Amino acid sequence: MKTSNPKSKFMKLRCSKCKNEQIVFNKPSSKVKCLVCGVSILEPLGGKGKVKAQILEVVD
């Protein structure tokens, strides 16, 4: 049986406005906002999202 690695991952992002760090899924189905200030940090594009914040790391 062949196992494949998932193509979707979690990312740790830092909000550009308030510097809050947040872990998000890289293929969102809706707009992701910062939990502290409410600025949009990730937008859906039908697959991988458009990142609007600093990527700190990709979590496996």
N, C-alpha and C. Protein backbone atom coordinates (compact mmCIF):
# COMPACT_ATOMS: atom_id res chain seq x y z
N MET A 1 0.85 -1.18 0.00
CA MET A 1 0.00 0.00 0.00
C MET A 1 0.89 1.24 0.00
N LYS A 2 0.56 2.18 -0.85
CA LYS A 2 1.34 3.40 -1.00
C LYS A 2 0.74 4.51 -0.15
N THR A 3 1.58 5.16 0.65
CA THR A 3 1.10 6.29 1.45
C THR A 3 1.65 7.57 0.84
N SER A 4 0.83 8.58 0.81
CA SER A 4 1.27 9.87 0.26
C SER A 4 1.21 10.93 1.34
N ASN A 5 2.10 11.87 1.25
CA ASN A 5 2.11 12.97 2.20
C ASN A 5 1.02 13.96 1.82
N PRO A 6 0.34 14.51 2.82
CA PRO A 6 -0.69 15.50 2.51
C PRO A 6 -0.06 16.77 1.92
N LYS A 7 -0.75 17.39 0.98
CA LYS A 7 -0.22 18.61 0.35
C LYS A 7 -0.63 19.85 1.13
N SER A 8 -1.55 19.71 2.04
CA SER A 8 -1.98 20.84 2.85
C SER A 8 -1.24 20.83 4.19
N LYS A 9 -0.94 22.00 4.68
CA LYS A 9 -0.18 22.12 5.92
C LYS A 9 -0.73 23.26 6.76
N PHE A 10 -0.24 23.35 7.98
CA PHE A 10 -0.54 24.47 8.84
C PHE A 10 0.64 25.43 8.81
N MET A 11 0.36 26.71 8.98
CA MET A 11 1.41 27.73 8.98
C MET A 11 1.25 28.62 10.20
N LYS A 12 2.37 29.09 10.71
CA LYS A 12 2.34 30.09 11.77
C LYS A 12 2.58 31.44 11.11
N LEU A 13 1.60 32.34 11.24
CA LEU A 13 1.67 33.67 10.64
C LEU A 13 1.77 34.73 11.72
N ARG A 14 2.42 35.86 11.37
CA ARG A 14 2.48 37.01 12.27
C ARG A 14 1.74 38.16 11.60
N CYS A 15 0.75 38.68 12.29
CA CYS A 15 -0.04 39.81 11.79
C CYS A 15 0.87 41.01 11.59
N SER A 16 0.73 41.67 10.44
CA SER A 16 1.58 42.83 10.15
C SER A 16 1.18 44.07 10.95
N LYS A 17 -0.04 44.10 11.45
CA LYS A 17 -0.51 45.27 12.20
C LYS A 17 -0.18 45.18 13.70
N CYS A 18 -0.57 44.07 14.34
CA CYS A 18 -0.41 43.98 15.80
C CYS A 18 0.64 42.98 16.25
N LYS A 19 1.27 42.27 15.30
CA LYS A 19 2.35 41.29 15.57
C LYS A 19 1.87 40.04 16.31
N ASN A 20 0.56 39.80 16.34
CA ASN A 20 0.03 38.58 16.94
C ASN A 20 0.42 37.38 16.08
N GLU A 21 0.81 36.28 16.73
CA GLU A 21 1.15 35.05 16.01
C GLU A 21 -0.03 34.09 16.08
N GLN A 22 -0.34 33.47 14.94
CA GLN A 22 -1.53 32.62 14.84
C GLN A 22 -1.23 31.46 13.90
N ILE A 23 -1.69 30.26 14.26
CA ILE A 23 -1.52 29.09 13.41
C ILE A 23 -2.79 28.91 12.59
N VAL A 24 -2.61 28.79 11.26
CA VAL A 24 -3.75 28.68 10.34
C VAL A 24 -3.51 27.55 9.34
N PHE A 25 -4.58 27.07 8.72
CA PHE A 25 -4.53 26.06 7.67
C PHE A 25 -4.23 26.76 6.36
N ASN A 26 -3.33 26.21 5.53
CA ASN A 26 -2.90 26.94 4.33
C ASN A 26 -3.90 26.87 3.17
N LYS A 27 -4.97 26.10 3.30
CA LYS A 27 -6.01 26.04 2.26
C LYS A 27 -7.36 26.41 2.90
N PRO A 28 -7.56 27.70 3.16
CA PRO A 28 -8.78 28.11 3.86
C PRO A 28 -10.00 28.11 2.95
N SER A 29 -11.17 27.90 3.51
CA SER A 29 -12.41 27.97 2.74
C SER A 29 -13.09 29.33 2.93
N SER A 30 -12.59 30.10 3.89
CA SER A 30 -13.12 31.45 4.10
C SER A 30 -11.98 32.36 4.57
N LYS A 31 -12.23 33.65 4.57
CA LYS A 31 -11.23 34.63 4.96
C LYS A 31 -10.83 34.41 6.43
N VAL A 32 -9.53 34.44 6.71
CA VAL A 32 -9.03 34.27 8.08
C VAL A 32 -8.57 35.63 8.58
N LYS A 33 -9.09 36.02 9.75
CA LYS A 33 -8.74 37.31 10.34
C LYS A 33 -7.90 37.10 11.59
N CYS A 34 -7.09 38.11 11.91
CA CYS A 34 -6.30 38.11 13.14
C CYS A 34 -7.27 38.09 14.32
N LEU A 35 -6.97 37.25 15.29
CA LEU A 35 -7.85 37.13 16.46
C LEU A 35 -7.77 38.34 17.39
N VAL A 36 -6.72 39.14 17.26
CA VAL A 36 -6.54 40.29 18.14
C VAL A 36 -7.11 41.57 17.52
N CYS A 37 -6.67 41.91 16.30
CA CYS A 37 -7.07 43.19 15.71
C CYS A 37 -8.09 43.08 14.59
N GLY A 38 -8.32 41.88 14.05
CA GLY A 38 -9.35 41.68 13.03
C GLY A 38 -8.92 41.91 11.59
N VAL A 39 -7.64 42.19 11.35
CA VAL A 39 -7.13 42.38 9.99
C VAL A 39 -7.10 41.04 9.27
N SER A 40 -7.43 41.04 7.98
CA SER A 40 -7.39 39.82 7.18
C SER A 40 -5.94 39.37 6.99
N ILE A 41 -5.64 38.10 7.36
CA ILE A 41 -4.27 37.60 7.23
C ILE A 41 -4.16 36.48 6.19
N LEU A 42 -5.29 35.92 5.75
CA LEU A 42 -5.28 34.85 4.76
C LEU A 42 -6.61 34.83 4.02
N GLU A 43 -6.56 34.81 2.67
CA GLU A 43 -7.78 34.80 1.87
C GLU A 43 -7.83 33.56 1.00
N PRO A 44 -9.01 32.96 0.82
CA PRO A 44 -9.13 31.76 -0.02
C PRO A 44 -9.00 32.10 -1.49
N LEU A 45 -8.38 31.18 -2.25
CA LEU A 45 -8.25 31.34 -3.70
C LEU A 45 -8.68 30.07 -4.43
N GLY A 46 -9.43 29.20 -3.78
CA GLY A 46 -9.87 27.96 -4.40
C GLY A 46 -8.89 26.82 -4.18
N GLY A 47 -7.81 27.06 -3.55
CA GLY A 47 -6.77 26.07 -3.24
C GLY A 47 -5.97 26.64 -2.09
N LYS A 48 -4.71 26.86 -2.34
CA LYS A 48 -3.89 27.52 -1.32
C LYS A 48 -4.35 28.96 -1.18
N GLY A 49 -4.26 29.46 0.04
CA GLY A 49 -4.72 30.82 0.30
C GLY A 49 -3.67 31.87 0.00
N LYS A 50 -4.13 33.10 -0.17
CA LYS A 50 -3.24 34.25 -0.38
C LYS A 50 -2.86 34.79 0.99
N VAL A 51 -1.58 34.67 1.33
CA VAL A 51 -1.09 35.09 2.64
C VAL A 51 -0.88 36.60 2.63
N LYS A 52 -1.44 37.28 3.65
CA LYS A 52 -1.32 38.72 3.77
C LYS A 52 -0.62 39.08 5.08
N ALA A 53 0.20 38.16 5.57
CA ALA A 53 0.95 38.37 6.81
C ALA A 53 2.31 37.72 6.64
N GLN A 54 3.16 37.86 7.64
CA GLN A 54 4.50 37.26 7.60
C GLN A 54 4.40 35.78 7.97
N ILE A 55 4.99 34.90 7.16
CA ILE A 55 5.04 33.47 7.46
C ILE A 55 6.24 33.22 8.36
N LEU A 56 6.00 32.71 9.55
CA LEU A 56 7.08 32.42 10.49
C LEU A 56 7.61 31.01 10.31
N GLU A 57 6.71 30.05 10.12
CA GLU A 57 7.12 28.66 9.89
C GLU A 57 5.96 27.85 9.34
N VAL A 58 6.31 26.74 8.70
CA VAL A 58 5.32 25.77 8.22
C VAL A 58 5.37 24.59 9.17
N VAL A 59 4.24 24.28 9.79
CA VAL A 59 4.17 23.22 10.79
C VAL A 59 3.78 21.91 10.11
N ASP A 60 4.59 20.88 10.32
CA ASP A 60 4.30 19.57 9.72
C ASP A 60 3.36 18.75 10.56
